[in-house]
Amino acid sequence: MAARGTVQYKFKSQTAVHTVQFDGPSIKLADLKSEIIRATGINKDFWSNTDLEISNAQTGEVFSADAQVDRNV
């Protein structure tokens, strides 16, 4: 059985931290973005004209479109 992974995220304009759970040690960036949009209830039509920029909070590195995002340890 694969270990459950989590990634914590927050929007720059907010102070609240949220969590996405997934199976395995990492999640595809596209899947992470989809989970964030689903979890926040944001209108998918809005996101068809824009994009979420996902970065590592510790390093500031912006993840590339084909990135695998490792779970938080």
PDB file of N, CA and C in Angstrom:
ATOM      1  N   MET A   1       0.846  -1.186   0.000  1.00  0.00           N
ATOM      2  CA  MET A   1       0.000   0.000   0.000  1.00  0.00           C
ATOM      3  C   MET A   1       0.889   1.246   0.000  1.00  0.00           C
ATOM      4  N   ALA A   2       0.615   2.164  -0.892  1.00  0.00           N
ATOM      5  CA  ALA A   2       1.400   3.395  -0.996  1.00  0.00           C
ATOM      6  C   ALA A   2       1.105   4.323   0.178  1.00  0.00           C
ATOM      7  N   ALA A   3       2.129   5.014   0.609  1.00  0.00           N
ATOM      8  CA  ALA A   3       1.976   5.960   1.712  1.00  0.00           C
ATOM      9  C   ALA A   3       1.171   7.164   1.240  1.00  0.00           C
ATOM     10  N   ARG A   4       0.379   7.725   2.149  1.00  0.00           N
ATOM     11  CA  ARG A   4      -0.373   8.940   1.835  1.00  0.00           C
ATOM     12  C   ARG A   4       0.572  10.120   1.901  1.00  0.00           C
ATOM     13  N   GLY A   5       0.453  10.997   0.932  1.00  0.00           N
ATOM     14  CA  GLY A   5       1.251  12.208   0.908  1.00  0.00           C
ATOM     15  C   GLY A   5       0.367  13.417   1.117  1.00  0.00           C
ATOM     16  N   THR A   6       0.964  14.496   1.581  1.00  0.00           N
ATOM     17  CA  THR A   6       0.248  15.757   1.711  1.00  0.00           C
ATOM     18  C   THR A   6       1.135  16.886   1.207  1.00  0.00           C
ATOM     19  N   VAL A   7       0.500  17.880   0.644  1.00  0.00           N
ATOM     20  CA  VAL A   7       1.162  19.117   0.265  1.00  0.00           C
ATOM     21  C   VAL A   7       0.344  20.236   0.887  1.00  0.00           C
ATOM     22  N   GLN A   8       1.015  21.121   1.586  1.00  0.00           N
ATOM     23  CA  GLN A   8       0.342  22.283   2.158  1.00  0.00           C
ATOM     24  C   GLN A   8       0.510  23.456   1.208  1.00  0.00           C
ATOM     25  N   TYR A   9      -0.536  24.270   1.108  1.00  0.00           N
ATOM     26  CA  TYR A   9      -0.481  25.425   0.221  1.00  0.00           C
ATOM     27  C   TYR A   9      -1.256  26.584   0.821  1.00  0.00           C
ATOM     28  N   LYS A  10      -0.943  27.769   0.341  1.00  0.00           N
ATOM     29  CA  LYS A  10      -1.716  28.961   0.684  1.00  0.00           C
ATOM     30  C   LYS A  10      -1.615  29.935  -0.462  1.00  0.00           C
ATOM     31  N   PHE A  11      -2.612  30.772  -0.573  1.00  0.00           N
ATOM     32  CA  PHE A  11      -2.593  31.824  -1.578  1.00  0.00           C
ATOM     33  C   PHE A  11      -1.849  33.023  -1.006  1.00  0.00           C
ATOM     34  N   LYS A  12      -1.141  33.760  -1.840  1.00  0.00           N
ATOM     35  CA  LYS A  12      -0.376  34.920  -1.372  1.00  0.00           C
ATOM     36  C   LYS A  12      -1.252  35.928  -0.641  1.00  0.00           C
ATOM     37  N   SER A  13      -2.502  36.035  -1.050  1.00  0.00           N
ATOM     38  CA  SER A  13      -3.403  37.033  -0.476  1.00  0.00           C
ATOM     39  C   SER A  13      -4.065  36.554   0.813  1.00  0.00           C
ATOM     40  N   GLN A  14      -3.758  35.341   1.255  1.00  0.00           N
ATOM     41  CA  GLN A  14      -4.393  34.779   2.446  1.00  0.00           C
ATOM     42  C   GLN A  14      -3.346  34.305   3.445  1.00  0.00           C
ATOM     43  N   THR A  15      -3.767  34.166   4.696  1.00  0.00           N
ATOM     44  CA  THR A  15      -2.874  33.639   5.721  1.00  0.00           C
ATOM     45  C   THR A  15      -3.156  32.173   6.030  1.00  0.00           C
ATOM     46  N   ALA A  16      -4.337  31.692   5.667  1.00  0.00           N
ATOM     47  CA  ALA A  16      -4.732  30.313   5.967  1.00  0.00           C
ATOM     48  C   ALA A  16      -3.935  29.327   5.119  1.00  0.00           C
ATOM     49  N   VAL A  17      -3.507  28.240   5.757  1.00  0.00           N
ATOM     50  CA  VAL A  17      -2.793  27.160   5.074  1.00  0.00           C
ATOM     51  C   VAL A  17      -3.769  26.005   4.899  1.00  0.00           C
ATOM     52  N   HIS A  18      -3.772  25.421   3.699  1.00  0.00           N
ATOM     53  CA  HIS A  18      -4.660  24.313   3.364  1.00  0.00           C
ATOM     54  C   HIS A  18      -3.812  23.102   2.997  1.00  0.00           C
ATOM     55  N   THR A  19      -4.441  21.931   2.951  1.00  0.00           N
ATOM     56  CA  THR A  19      -3.725  20.693   2.673  1.00  0.00           C
ATOM     57  C   THR A  19      -4.419  19.903   1.576  1.00  0.00           C
ATOM     58  N   VAL A  20      -3.630  19.359   0.667  1.00  0.00           N
ATOM     59  CA  VAL A  20      -4.104  18.411  -0.340  1.00  0.00           C
ATOM     60  C   VAL A  20      -3.483  17.068   0.002  1.00  0.00           C
ATOM     61  N   GLN A  21      -4.300  16.017   0.049  1.00  0.00           N
ATOM     62  CA  GLN A  21      -3.804  14.665   0.307  1.00  0.00           C
ATOM     63  C   GLN A  21      -3.821  13.860  -0.988  1.00  0.00           C
ATOM     64  N   PHE A  22      -2.858  12.954  -1.127  1.00  0.00           N
ATOM     65  CA  PHE A  22      -2.756  12.120  -2.317  1.00  0.00           C
ATOM     66  C   PHE A  22      -2.016  10.842  -1.958  1.00  0.00           C
ATOM     67  N   ASP A  23      -2.092   9.857  -2.830  1.00  0.00           N
ATOM     68  CA  ASP A  23      -1.375   8.597  -2.630  1.00  0.00           C
ATOM     69  C   ASP A  23       0.012   8.696  -3.237  1.00  0.00           C
ATOM     70  N   GLY A  24       1.009   8.211  -2.513  1.00  0.00           N
ATOM     71  CA  GLY A  24       2.367   8.160  -3.031  1.00  0.00           C
ATOM     72  C   GLY A  24       3.258   9.265  -2.512  1.00  0.00           C
ATOM     73  N   PRO A  25       4.511   9.270  -2.975  1.00  0.00           N
ATOM     74  CA  PRO A  25       5.502  10.228  -2.482  1.00  0.00           C
ATOM     75  C   PRO A  25       5.451  11.586  -3.167  1.00  0.00           C
ATOM     76  N   SER A  26       4.736  11.680  -4.323  1.00  0.00           N
ATOM     77  CA  SER A  26       4.666  12.952  -5.046  1.00  0.00           C
ATOM     78  C   SER A  26       3.378  13.014  -5.852  1.00  0.00           C
ATOM     79  N   ILE A  27       3.092  14.200  -6.368  1.00  0.00           N
ATOM     80  CA  ILE A  27       1.898  14.425  -7.181  1.00  0.00           C
ATOM     81  C   ILE A  27       2.303  15.273  -8.377  1.00  0.00           C
ATOM     82  N   LYS A  28       1.728  14.979  -9.543  1.00  0.00           N
ATOM     83  CA  LYS A  28       1.986  15.794 -10.733  1.00  0.00           C
ATOM     84  C   LYS A  28       1.456  17.203 -10.480  1.00  0.00           C
ATOM     85  N   LEU A  29       2.174  18.193 -10.964  1.00  0.00           N
ATOM     86  CA  LEU A  29       1.768  19.581 -10.760  1.00  0.00           C
ATOM     87  C   LEU A  29       0.358  19.826 -11.289  1.00  0.00           C
ATOM     88  N   ALA A  30       0.039  19.294 -12.458  1.00  0.00           N
ATOM     89  CA  ALA A  30      -1.306  19.481 -13.022  1.00  0.00           C
ATOM     90  C   ALA A  30      -2.381  18.899 -12.106  1.00  0.00           C
ATOM     91  N   ASP A  31      -2.097  17.737 -11.502  1.00  0.00           N
ATOM     92  CA  ASP A  31      -3.054  17.118 -10.579  1.00  0.00           C
ATOM     93  C   ASP A  31      -3.185  17.936  -9.298  1.00  0.00           C
ATOM     94  N   LEU A  32      -2.074  18.494  -8.818  1.00  0.00           N
ATOM     95  CA  LEU A  32      -2.105  19.335  -7.630  1.00  0.00           C
ATOM     96  C   LEU A  32      -2.965  20.575  -7.878  1.00  0.00           C
ATOM     97  N   LYS A  33      -2.766  21.211  -9.022  1.00  0.00           N
ATOM     98  CA  LYS A  33      -3.570  22.390  -9.362  1.00  0.00           C
ATOM     99  C   LYS A  33      -5.049  22.041  -9.432  1.00  0.00           C
ATOM    100  N   SER A  34      -5.378  20.907 -10.034  1.00  0.00           N
ATOM    101  CA  SER A  34      -6.775  20.476 -10.119  1.00  0.00           C
ATOM    102  C   SER A  34      -7.372  20.255  -8.735  1.00  0.00           C
ATOM    103  N   GLU A  35      -6.592  19.644  -7.841  1.00  0.00           N
ATOM    104  CA  GLU A  35      -7.069  19.405  -6.474  1.00  0.00           C
ATOM    105  C   GLU A  35      -7.285  20.720  -5.724  1.00  0.00           C
ATOM    106  N   ILE A  36      -6.386  21.670  -5.912  1.00  0.00           N
ATOM    107  CA  ILE A  36      -6.539  22.974  -5.254  1.00  0.00           C
ATOM    108  C   ILE A  36      -7.799  23.671  -5.755  1.00  0.00           C
ATOM    109  N   ILE A  37      -7.996  23.665  -7.061  1.00  0.00           N
ATOM    110  CA  ILE A  37      -9.193  24.297  -7.636  1.00  0.00           C
ATOM    111  C   ILE A  37     -10.453  23.608  -7.124  1.00  0.00           C
ATOM    112  N   ARG A  38     -10.441  22.268  -7.093  1.00  0.00           N
ATOM    113  CA  ARG A  38     -11.604  21.517  -6.597  1.00  0.00           C
ATOM    114  C   ARG A  38     -11.857  21.812  -5.121  1.00  0.00           C
ATOM    115  N   ALA A  39     -10.812  21.794  -4.318  1.00  0.00           N
ATOM    116  CA  ALA A  39     -10.953  21.978  -2.871  1.00  0.00           C
ATOM    117  C   ALA A  39     -11.435  23.374  -2.499  1.00  0.00           C
ATOM    118  N   THR A  40     -11.030  24.369  -3.263  1.00  0.00           N
ATOM    119  CA  THR A  40     -11.410  25.744  -2.937  1.00  0.00           C
ATOM    120  C   THR A  40     -12.741  26.140  -3.554  1.00  0.00           C
ATOM    121  N   GLY A  41     -13.239  25.313  -4.476  1.00  0.00           N
ATOM    122  CA  GLY A  41     -14.515  25.616  -5.107  1.00  0.00           C
ATOM    123  C   GLY A  41     -14.437  26.768  -6.096  1.00  0.00           C
ATOM    124  N   ILE A  42     -13.231  27.052  -6.562  1.00  0.00           N
ATOM    125  CA  ILE A  42     -13.045  28.136  -7.516  1.00  0.00           C
ATOM    126  C   ILE A  42     -13.629  27.711  -8.860  1.00  0.00           C
ATOM    127  N   ASN A  43     -14.265  28.639  -9.537  1.00  0.00           N
ATOM    128  CA  ASN A  43     -14.890  28.389 -10.826  1.00  0.00           C
ATOM    129  C   ASN A  43     -13.842  27.946 -11.849  1.00  0.00           C
ATOM    130  N   LYS A  44     -14.026  26.754 -12.427  1.00  0.00           N
ATOM    131  CA  LYS A  44     -13.062  26.235 -13.407  1.00  0.00           C
ATOM    132  C   LYS A  44     -12.950  27.134 -14.630  1.00  0.00           C
ATOM    133  N   ASP A  45     -14.039  27.811 -15.012  1.00  0.00           N
ATOM    134  CA  ASP A  45     -13.988  28.713 -16.167  1.00  0.00           C
ATOM    135  C   ASP A  45     -13.009  29.854 -15.921  1.00  0.00           C
ATOM    136  N   PHE A  46     -12.926  30.319 -14.683  1.00  0.00           N
ATOM    137  CA  PHE A  46     -11.971  31.370 -14.332  1.00  0.00           C
ATOM    138  C   PHE A  46     -10.546  30.906 -14.611  1.00  0.00           C
ATOM    139  N   TRP A  47     -10.247  29.656 -14.258  1.00  0.00           N
ATOM    140  CA  TRP A  47      -8.888  29.134 -14.410  1.00  0.00           C
ATOM    141  C   TRP A  47      -8.538  28.790 -15.839  1.00  0.00           C
ATOM    142  N   SER A  48      -9.533  28.735 -16.734  1.00  0.00           N
ATOM    143  CA  SER A  48      -9.209  28.457 -18.134  1.00  0.00           C
ATOM    144  C   SER A  48      -8.489  29.641 -18.775  1.00  0.00           C
ATOM    145  N   ASN A  49      -8.599  30.834 -18.163  1.00  0.00           N
ATOM    146  CA  ASN A  49      -7.950  32.037 -18.691  1.00  0.00           C
ATOM    147  C   ASN A  49      -6.740  32.483 -17.881  1.00  0.00           C
ATOM    148  N   THR A  50      -6.388  31.731 -16.859  1.00  0.00           N
ATOM    149  CA  THR A  50      -5.260  32.092 -16.002  1.00  0.00           C
ATOM    150  C   THR A  50      -4.596  30.814 -15.499  1.00  0.00           C
ATOM    151  N   ASP A  51      -3.601  30.933 -14.646  1.00  0.00           N
ATOM    152  CA  ASP A  51      -2.906  29.754 -14.152  1.00  0.00           C
ATOM    153  C   ASP A  51      -2.460  29.999 -12.712  1.00  0.00           C
ATOM    154  N   LEU A  52      -2.408  28.941 -11.939  1.00  0.00           N
ATOM    155  CA  LEU A  52      -1.846  29.016 -10.596  1.00  0.00           C
ATOM    156  C   LEU A  52      -0.340  28.870 -10.701  1.00  0.00           C
ATOM    157  N   GLU A  53       0.389  29.745 -10.037  1.00  0.00           N
ATOM    158  CA  GLU A  53       1.839  29.590  -9.965  1.00  0.00           C
ATOM    159  C   GLU A  53       2.137  28.888  -8.651  1.00  0.00           C
ATOM    160  N   ILE A  54       2.752  27.733  -8.736  1.00  0.00           N
ATOM    161  CA  ILE A  54       3.057  26.928  -7.559  1.00  0.00           C
ATOM    162  C   ILE A  54       4.562  26.994  -7.317  1.00  0.00           C
ATOM    163  N   SER A  55       4.933  27.355  -6.072  1.00  0.00           N
ATOM    164  CA  SER A  55       6.355  27.448  -5.750  1.00  0.00           C
ATOM    165  C   SER A  55       6.642  26.797  -4.405  1.00  0.00           C
ATOM    166  N   ASN A  56       7.899  26.467  -4.207  1.00  0.00           N
ATOM    167  CA  ASN A  56       8.365  25.905  -2.948  1.00  0.00           C
ATOM    168  C   ASN A  56       8.529  27.060  -1.964  1.00  0.00           C
ATOM    169  N   ALA A  57       7.833  27.004  -0.841  1.00  0.00           N
ATOM    170  CA  ALA A  57       7.859  28.100   0.132  1.00  0.00           C
ATOM    171  C   ALA A  57       9.241  28.306   0.740  1.00  0.00           C
ATOM    172  N   GLN A  58      10.027  27.242   0.863  1.00  0.00           N
ATOM    173  CA  GLN A  58      11.350  27.361   1.467  1.00  0.00           C
ATOM    174  C   GLN A  58      12.390  27.936   0.498  1.00  0.00           C
ATOM    175  N   THR A  59      12.320  27.524  -0.764  1.00  0.00           N
ATOM    176  CA  THR A  59      13.354  27.923  -1.715  1.00  0.00           C
ATOM    177  C   THR A  59      12.913  29.017  -2.684  1.00  0.00           C
ATOM    178  N   GLY A  60      11.608  29.198  -2.832  1.00  0.00           N
ATOM    179  CA  GLY A  60      11.088  30.163  -3.786  1.00  0.00           C
ATOM    180  C   GLY A  60      11.059  29.640  -5.212  1.00  0.00           C
ATOM    181  N   GLU A  61      11.532  28.419  -5.431  1.00  0.00           N
ATOM    182  CA  GLU A  61      11.555  27.820  -6.767  1.00  0.00           C
ATOM    183  C   GLU A  61      10.129  27.651  -7.284  1.00  0.00           C
ATOM    184  N   VAL A  62       9.873  28.134  -8.500  1.00  0.00           N
ATOM    185  CA  VAL A  62       8.580  27.943  -9.152  1.00  0.00           C
ATOM    186  C   VAL A  62       8.644  26.616  -9.898  1.00  0.00           C
ATOM    187  N   PHE A  63       7.658  25.764  -9.667  1.00  0.00           N
ATOM    188  CA  PHE A  63       7.640  24.449 -10.304  1.00  0.00           C
ATOM    189  C   PHE A  63       7.294  24.576 -11.785  1.00  0.00           C
ATOM    190  N   SER A  64       8.001  23.817 -12.621  1.00  0.00           N
ATOM    191  CA  SER A  64       7.719  23.802 -14.055  1.00  0.00           C
ATOM    192  C   SER A  64       6.450  22.984 -14.318  1.00  0.00           C
ATOM    193  N   ALA A  65       5.879  23.156 -15.500  1.00  0.00           N
ATOM    194  CA  ALA A  65       4.602  22.532 -15.847  1.00  0.00           C
ATOM    195  C   ALA A  65       4.629  21.002 -15.739  1.00  0.00           C
ATOM    196  N   ASP A  66       5.779  20.385 -15.963  1.00  0.00           N
ATOM    197  CA  ASP A  66       5.864  18.925 -15.918  1.00  0.00           C
ATOM    198  C   ASP A  66       6.437  18.392 -14.603  1.00  0.00           C
ATOM    199  N   ALA A  67       6.473  19.226 -13.592  1.00  0.00           N
ATOM    200  CA  ALA A  67       7.094  18.865 -12.308  1.00  0.00           C
ATOM    201  C   ALA A  67       6.273  17.843 -11.522  1.00  0.00           C
ATOM    202  N   GLN A  68       6.983  17.091 -10.708  1.00  0.00           N
ATOM    203  CA  GLN A  68       6.402  16.244  -9.675  1.00  0.00           C
ATOM    204  C   GLN A  68       6.663  16.988  -8.362  1.00  0.00           C
ATOM    205  N   VAL A  69       5.619  17.206  -7.578  1.00  0.00           N
ATOM    206  CA  VAL A  69       5.755  17.927  -6.312  1.00  0.00           C
ATOM    207  C   VAL A  69       5.821  16.881  -5.205  1.00  0.00           C
ATOM    208  N   ASP A  70       6.932  16.874  -4.474  1.00  0.00           N
ATOM    209  CA  ASP A  70       7.100  15.926  -3.377  1.00  0.00           C
ATOM    210  C   ASP A  70       6.208  16.276  -2.211  1.00  0.00           C
ATOM    211  N   ARG A  71       5.809  15.246  -1.489  1.00  0.00           N
ATOM    212  CA  ARG A  71       4.985  15.467  -0.298  1.00  0.00           C
ATOM    213  C   ARG A  71       5.773  16.219   0.759  1.00  0.00           C
ATOM    214  N   ASN A  72       5.035  16.907   1.641  1.00  0.00           N
ATOM    215  CA  ASN A  72       5.670  17.571   2.776  1.00  0.00           C
ATOM    216  C   ASN A  72       6.109  16.496   3.756  1.00  0.00           C
ATOM    217  N   VAL A  73       7.257  16.711   4.340  1.00  0.00           N
ATOM    218  CA  VAL A  73       7.781  15.726   5.302  1.00  0.00           C
ATOM    219  C   VAL A  73       7.464  16.189   6.700  1.00  0.00           C
TER     220      VAL A  73
END
